[in-house]
């Protein structure tokens, strides 16, 4: 990992037009609400939060699969959020995705060899023989048998299908790989194999990962830094071990309280925190701090005054009026 900033987002907002259930009137749902972050070359930034908090939408905005409503996204110093589709094309090969469902992301009508070769053909990687050799090399890299290139996705297990998805993502030698819940659909034993593979590939090819998950145990295992999202906003950001050991935001504390602890020491276990209610509707956001209706330490101030994401100390930021472990 270096200090070079590979990707930078500044005040990214993404809204969708919806209709009121009662009257059918158009409403704006803000899925990503003013997110700013940086990803350094060679690091893994983990993004965690409950389902529906905007993690996947943020990821798609960062690689411009979804256009941002406002804000800026810079990749390798170029503002990609203002580029046209034609202007984006040379940069897209440097930004690749690994999707959550390894079966739904693979075309069932095509052989896996053709699936992995497709980005190479689209980007005119070389002659057909060079492309076929590159595909064989990718299969060997992710631990798959090159004799299976003519098989179809349904003939593979879930873990093997995800390896195929990873091979496709690596085809064009990307700098950034966005992994959107890449192991949540896999068995626990297979999860470990895929995570170890991704770690080995990062070391081998100096990859940068944006790793999205709701499993905080998985995120701690793979991430250098972690950002916690709630209702489209980053509420806490810091080094992975420090954030897990000394959470500042009440939402982070609640998420960590339900992570199983495999600990034989005499250290006290976390008290389990049960949050009341559900994540609010993004088209009808609470006033003040978006977390205050569910927060166990909220005051009247939280209901009227929105906290900014403030750097408490170098590398550690939190958006809370009453942060824990801030000393």
Protein backbone atom coordinates (compact mmCIF):
# COMPACT_ATOMS: atom_id res chain seq x y z
CA UNK A 1 0.00 0.00 0.00
CA UNK A 2 1.22 3.51 -0.85
CA UNK A 3 0.11 7.06 -0.02
CA UNK A 4 -1.00 7.60 -3.63
CA UNK A 5 -4.73 8.31 -3.87
CA UNK A 6 -6.20 6.03 -6.54
CA UNK A 7 -9.85 7.05 -6.15
CA UNK A 8 -11.35 10.08 -4.45
CA UNK A 9 -15.02 10.95 -3.95
CA UNK A 10 -16.18 14.37 -2.81
CA UNK A 11 -19.73 14.97 -1.54
CA UNK A 12 -21.28 12.30 -3.77
CA UNK A 13 -25.08 12.34 -3.83
CA UNK A 14 -27.33 9.90 -5.69
CA UNK A 15 -31.10 10.30 -5.75
CA UNK A 16 -33.81 8.21 -7.37
CA UNK A 17 -37.31 9.31 -8.29
CA UNK A 18 -40.01 7.26 -6.57
CA UNK A 19 -43.77 7.57 -6.11
CA UNK A 20 -45.71 8.00 -2.89
CA UNK A 21 -47.57 4.86 -1.87
CA UNK A 22 -50.59 6.91 -0.77
CA UNK A 23 -51.03 9.47 -3.54
CA UNK A 24 -48.75 8.35 -6.34
CA UNK A 25 -46.84 11.63 -6.26
CA UNK A 26 -43.17 11.69 -7.24
CA UNK A 27 -40.65 11.71 -4.41
CA UNK A 28 -36.88 11.79 -4.34
CA UNK A 29 -35.15 8.99 -2.44
CA UNK A 30 -31.57 9.85 -1.54
CA UNK A 31 -29.63 6.57 -1.61
CA UNK A 32 -26.20 8.19 -1.19
CA UNK A 33 -26.11 11.43 0.78
CA UNK A 34 -22.92 13.47 0.57
CA UNK A 35 -20.25 10.76 0.80
CA UNK A 36 -16.59 11.78 0.69
CA UNK A 37 -13.77 9.23 0.86
CA UNK A 38 -10.37 8.31 -0.52
CA UNK A 39 -8.90 4.94 -1.48
CA UNK A 40 -5.12 4.60 -1.57
CA UNK A 41 -3.41 2.44 -4.16
CA UNK A 42 -2.85 -1.10 -2.88
CA UNK A 43 -5.20 -0.89 0.12
CA UNK A 44 -8.53 -2.53 0.89
CA UNK A 45 -11.28 -0.19 2.03
CA UNK A 46 -14.22 -2.05 3.54
CA UNK A 47 -17.73 -0.58 3.54
CA UNK A 48 -20.20 -2.07 6.04
CA UNK A 49 -23.77 -1.42 7.10
CA UNK A 50 -27.24 -2.92 7.17
CA UNK A 51 -29.04 -3.91 3.98
CA UNK A 52 -30.50 -0.85 2.28
CA UNK A 53 -27.95 1.63 3.61
CA UNK A 54 -26.61 2.50 0.15
CA UNK A 55 -23.38 0.47 -0.01
CA UNK A 56 -23.95 -1.03 -3.46
CA UNK A 57 -25.32 2.22 -4.88
CA UNK A 58 -22.22 4.05 -3.66
CA UNK A 59 -19.97 1.43 -5.29
CA UNK A 60 -21.75 1.78 -8.62
CA UNK A 61 -21.47 5.57 -8.44
CA UNK A 62 -17.74 5.36 -7.73
CA UNK A 63 -17.12 3.36 -10.91
CA UNK A 64 -19.80 5.30 -12.82
CA UNK A 65 -22.11 2.39 -13.52
CA UNK A 66 -24.62 4.85 -12.06
CA UNK A 67 -24.19 8.56 -12.75
CA UNK A 68 -23.93 10.71 -9.65
CA UNK A 69 -26.65 13.29 -9.05
CA UNK A 70 -24.03 15.68 -7.71
CA UNK A 71 -20.50 15.59 -6.32
CA UNK A 72 -17.22 14.54 -7.91
CA UNK A 73 -15.38 11.25 -8.39
CA UNK A 74 -11.69 11.23 -9.35
CA UNK A 75 -9.82 8.15 -10.56
CA UNK A 76 -6.05 8.38 -11.02
CA UNK A 77 -6.42 12.17 -10.95
CA UNK A 78 -9.12 12.33 -13.65
CA UNK A 79 -12.64 13.48 -12.76
CA UNK A 80 -14.63 10.58 -14.17
CA UNK A 81 -18.01 11.84 -12.92
CA UNK A 82 -17.99 14.47 -15.70
CA UNK A 83 -16.81 12.22 -18.53
CA UNK A 84 -19.00 10.98 -21.36
CA UNK A 85 -19.45 7.26 -22.04
CA UNK A 86 -16.79 7.52 -24.74
CA UNK A 87 -14.44 9.35 -22.38
CA UNK A 88 -14.97 6.73 -19.69
CA UNK A 89 -14.24 3.74 -21.90
CA UNK A 90 -10.41 3.79 -21.66
CA UNK A 91 -10.68 3.99 -17.86
CA UNK A 92 -13.30 1.28 -17.43
CA UNK A 93 -10.76 -1.49 -18.01
CA UNK A 94 -8.95 -0.22 -14.90
CA UNK A 95 -12.10 -0.49 -12.73
CA UNK A 96 -13.74 -3.90 -12.47
CA UNK A 97 -16.46 -5.49 -10.33
CA UNK A 98 -17.01 -8.82 -8.63
CA UNK A 99 -20.72 -9.27 -7.99
CA UNK A 100 -22.63 -10.81 -5.10
CA UNK A 101 -24.36 -13.66 -6.90
CA UNK A 102 -21.77 -15.65 -8.87
CA UNK A 103 -24.49 -17.40 -10.89
CA UNK A 104 -26.67 -14.41 -11.82
CA UNK A 105 -23.60 -12.46 -12.98
CA UNK A 106 -22.59 -15.15 -15.52
CA UNK A 107 -24.42 -15.66 -18.80
CA UNK A 108 -25.88 -19.21 -18.60
CA UNK A 109 -25.93 -19.52 -22.42
CA UNK A 110 -22.19 -19.05 -22.85
CA UNK A 111 -19.23 -21.19 -21.91
CA UNK A 112 -17.08 -19.91 -19.07
CA UNK A 113 -14.16 -19.54 -21.47
CA UNK A 114 -16.21 -17.16 -23.63
CA UNK A 115 -17.41 -15.27 -20.54
CA UNK A 116 -13.86 -14.55 -19.38
CA UNK A 117 -12.71 -13.79 -22.93
CA UNK A 118 -15.49 -11.29 -23.61
CA UNK A 119 -13.82 -8.19 -22.08
CA UNK A 120 -10.61 -9.10 -23.89
CA UNK A 121 -12.39 -9.23 -27.24
CA UNK A 122 -14.32 -6.02 -26.61
CA UNK A 123 -11.11 -4.18 -25.78
CA UNK A 124 -9.19 -5.76 -28.69
CA UNK A 125 -6.61 -7.36 -26.41
CA UNK A 126 -4.97 -9.20 -29.31
CA UNK A 127 -5.42 -12.09 -31.72
CA UNK A 128 -7.78 -14.92 -30.88
CA UNK A 129 -4.85 -17.15 -29.94
CA UNK A 130 -3.45 -14.48 -27.58
CA UNK A 131 -6.90 -14.12 -25.99
CA UNK A 132 -7.27 -17.89 -25.55
CA UNK A 133 -3.86 -18.07 -23.87
CA UNK A 134 -4.76 -15.16 -21.60
CA UNK A 135 -7.96 -16.94 -20.55
CA UNK A 136 -6.03 -20.13 -19.76
CA UNK A 137 -3.57 -18.05 -17.71
CA UNK A 138 -6.43 -16.43 -15.78
CA UNK A 139 -7.99 -19.82 -15.01
CA UNK A 140 -4.72 -21.09 -13.64
CA UNK A 141 -4.31 -17.88 -11.59
CA UNK A 142 -7.66 -18.34 -9.81
CA UNK A 143 -7.17 -22.08 -9.29
CA UNK A 144 -9.46 -23.50 -11.98
CA UNK A 145 -8.81 -26.35 -14.41
CA UNK A 146 -8.09 -25.07 -17.93
CA UNK A 147 -9.84 -28.17 -19.29
CA UNK A 148 -13.17 -26.75 -18.04
CA UNK A 149 -13.19 -23.75 -20.40
CA UNK A 150 -15.89 -25.29 -22.60
CA UNK A 151 -18.27 -25.95 -19.72
CA UNK A 152 -21.25 -23.76 -18.74
CA UNK A 153 -21.79 -21.87 -15.44
CA UNK A 154 -24.39 -24.33 -14.10
CA UNK A 155 -21.77 -27.08 -14.17
CA UNK A 156 -19.69 -25.37 -11.46
CA UNK A 157 -20.13 -24.95 -7.72
CA UNK A 158 -20.80 -21.54 -6.16
CA UNK A 159 -17.19 -21.06 -5.15
CA UNK A 160 -15.93 -22.04 -8.60
CA UNK A 161 -18.39 -19.63 -10.23
CA UNK A 162 -17.10 -16.81 -8.06
CA UNK A 163 -13.55 -17.70 -9.13
CA UNK A 164 -14.74 -17.36 -12.73
CA UNK A 165 -16.14 -13.93 -11.88
CA UNK A 166 -12.81 -12.94 -10.34
CA UNK A 167 -10.94 -14.19 -13.43
CA UNK A 168 -13.18 -12.05 -15.64
CA UNK A 169 -12.55 -9.02 -13.40
CA UNK A 170 -8.77 -9.54 -13.67
CA UNK A 171 -8.75 -10.02 -17.44
CA UNK A 172 -7.73 -6.45 -18.31
CA UNK A 173 -5.24 -5.95 -15.46
CA UNK A 174 -7.36 -3.48 -13.45
CA UNK A 175 -6.06 -1.14 -10.76
CA UNK A 176 -9.31 -1.14 -8.74
CA UNK A 177 -11.62 -4.08 -8.04
CA UNK A 178 -14.99 -3.39 -6.43
CA UNK A 179 -16.14 -6.53 -4.61
CA UNK A 180 -19.86 -6.18 -3.83
CA UNK A 181 -20.71 -8.80 -1.19
CA UNK A 182 -18.50 -11.33 -3.04
CA UNK A 183 -18.80 -14.16 -0.48
CA UNK A 184 -22.25 -13.65 1.07
CA UNK A 185 -23.85 -16.27 -1.21
CA UNK A 186 -21.20 -18.91 -0.47
CA UNK A 187 -20.79 -21.55 2.24
CA UNK A 188 -18.58 -20.53 5.14
CA UNK A 189 -15.73 -22.89 4.20
CA UNK A 190 -15.81 -21.65 0.61
CA UNK A 191 -15.88 -18.03 1.80
CA UNK A 192 -12.48 -18.50 3.42
CA UNK A 193 -11.03 -19.97 0.21
CA UNK A 194 -12.28 -17.06 -1.92
CA UNK A 195 -11.10 -14.45 0.60
CA UNK A 196 -7.65 -16.03 0.73
CA UNK A 197 -7.55 -16.09 -3.08
CA UNK A 198 -8.43 -12.38 -3.22
CA UNK A 199 -5.69 -11.58 -0.69
CA UNK A 200 -3.12 -13.53 -2.72
CA UNK A 201 -4.17 -11.79 -5.92
CA UNK A 202 -3.89 -8.38 -4.25
CA UNK A 203 -0.31 -9.12 -3.24
CA UNK A 204 0.57 -10.56 -6.65
CA UNK A 205 -0.95 -7.81 -8.82
CA UNK A 206 -0.91 -4.84 -6.40
CA UNK A 207 -4.69 -4.58 -6.58
CA UNK A 208 -6.79 -2.01 -4.76
CA UNK A 209 -10.08 -3.29 -3.34
CA UNK A 210 -13.31 -1.61 -2.37
CA UNK A 211 -14.86 -4.46 -0.36
CA UNK A 212 -18.57 -4.21 0.46
CA UNK A 213 -20.24 -6.52 2.97
CA UNK A 214 -22.67 -6.66 5.87
CA UNK A 215 -20.60 -9.31 7.68
CA UNK A 216 -18.31 -7.28 9.93
CA UNK A 217 -16.15 -10.29 10.75
CA UNK A 218 -15.32 -10.77 7.07
CA UNK A 219 -14.63 -7.06 6.58
CA UNK A 220 -12.19 -6.93 9.49
CA UNK A 221 -10.31 -9.92 8.08
CA UNK A 222 -9.71 -8.36 4.66
CA UNK A 223 -9.69 -4.57 5.17
CA UNK A 224 -7.00 -2.02 5.97
CA UNK A 225 -9.59 0.66 6.67
CA UNK A 226 -13.34 0.45 7.26
CA UNK A 227 -16.15 2.91 6.55
CA UNK A 228 -19.51 2.40 8.29
CA UNK A 229 -22.57 3.50 6.28
CA UNK A 230 -26.01 4.36 7.57
CA UNK A 231 -28.85 5.65 5.38
CA UNK A 232 -26.50 6.67 2.59
CA UNK A 233 -23.92 8.41 4.78
CA UNK A 234 -20.49 7.49 6.15
CA UNK A 235 -20.88 7.76 9.93
CA UNK A 236 -17.47 6.40 10.94
CA UNK A 237 -14.18 5.78 9.15
CA UNK A 238 -10.86 4.49 10.43
CA UNK A 239 -8.21 1.79 10.51
CA UNK A 240 -9.87 -1.61 10.73
CA UNK A 241 -8.41 -2.90 14.00
CA UNK A 242 -8.83 0.41 15.82
CA UNK A 243 -12.42 0.82 14.65
CA UNK A 244 -13.34 -2.69 15.76
CA UNK A 245 -11.58 -2.42 19.11
CA UNK A 246 -12.70 1.15 19.94
CA UNK A 247 -15.86 2.07 18.01
CA UNK A 248 -16.96 5.69 18.31
CA UNK A 249 -20.38 5.85 16.69
CA UNK A 250 -23.37 4.20 18.47
CA UNK A 251 -24.35 2.52 15.20
CA UNK A 252 -20.90 0.96 14.82
CA UNK A 253 -21.06 -0.16 18.45
CA UNK A 254 -24.44 -1.82 17.84
CA UNK A 255 -23.23 -3.62 14.70
CA UNK A 256 -20.14 -4.93 16.47
CA UNK A 257 -22.11 -6.09 19.49
CA UNK A 258 -23.74 -8.89 17.47
CA UNK A 259 -20.52 -10.18 15.86
CA UNK A 260 -19.64 -13.59 17.38
CA UNK A 261 -16.50 -13.39 19.52
CA UNK A 262 -14.17 -16.39 19.41
CA UNK A 263 -12.13 -15.33 22.42
CA UNK A 264 -10.73 -17.52 25.18
CA UNK A 265 -9.18 -14.63 27.11
CA UNK A 266 -10.60 -13.01 30.22
CA UNK A 267 -11.45 -9.81 28.33
CA UNK A 268 -15.07 -8.77 28.86
CA UNK A 269 -17.45 -9.56 26.04
CA UNK A 270 -19.41 -6.80 24.33
CA UNK A 271 -22.89 -6.16 25.67
CA UNK A 272 -25.37 -6.89 22.92
CA UNK A 273 -27.18 -3.77 21.69
CA UNK A 274 -30.59 -4.23 20.10
CA UNK A 275 -31.55 -1.33 17.84
CA UNK A 276 -35.20 -0.35 17.82
CA UNK A 277 -37.08 -0.01 14.55
CA UNK A 278 -35.80 -0.33 10.99
CA UNK A 279 -33.68 1.79 8.70
CA UNK A 280 -35.86 4.81 7.72
CA UNK A 281 -37.22 5.34 4.22
CA UNK A 282 -34.58 7.30 2.25
CA UNK A 283 -37.37 9.38 0.70
CA UNK A 284 -38.47 10.51 4.17
CA UNK A 285 -35.24 11.07 6.08
CA UNK A 286 -35.30 12.00 9.77
CA UNK A 287 -34.31 15.54 10.75
CA UNK A 288 -30.94 16.14 12.39
CA UNK A 289 -28.85 13.00 12.78
CA UNK A 290 -30.33 10.31 10.54
CA UNK A 291 -29.61 7.68 13.21
CA UNK A 292 -31.26 9.50 16.14
CA UNK A 293 -34.67 7.66 16.01
CA UNK A 294 -32.84 4.38 16.76
CA UNK A 295 -29.90 5.68 18.79
CA UNK A 296 -29.67 4.60 22.46
CA UNK A 297 -27.81 7.80 23.45
CA UNK A 298 -29.70 10.39 21.35
CA UNK A 299 -30.73 13.74 22.86
CA UNK A 300 -32.89 16.61 21.64
CA UNK A 301 -29.83 18.08 19.96
CA UNK A 302 -29.53 14.99 17.75
CA UNK A 303 -33.07 15.46 16.44
CA UNK A 304 -32.41 18.99 15.17
CA UNK A 305 -28.67 19.28 14.46
CA UNK A 306 -26.99 17.09 11.87
CA UNK A 307 -23.44 16.06 12.92
CA UNK A 308 -20.66 16.44 10.38
CA UNK A 309 -18.09 13.74 9.71
CA UNK A 310 -15.20 15.13 11.75
CA UNK A 311 -11.64 13.80 12.02
CA UNK A 312 -11.21 13.17 15.75
CA UNK A 313 -7.58 12.18 15.29
CA UNK A 314 -5.42 11.37 12.27
CA UNK A 315 -7.12 8.74 10.14
CA UNK A 316 -10.17 8.45 12.43
CA UNK A 317 -13.44 10.24 11.64
CA UNK A 318 -16.95 10.05 13.11
CA UNK A 319 -20.28 11.81 12.57
CA UNK A 320 -21.73 11.94 16.09
CA UNK A 321 -22.38 14.63 18.72
CA UNK A 322 -21.49 12.21 21.51
CA UNK A 323 -18.77 9.88 20.18
CA UNK A 324 -17.61 7.01 22.34
CA UNK A 325 -13.89 6.28 22.93
CA UNK A 326 -12.97 9.74 21.60
CA UNK A 327 -10.38 10.38 24.32
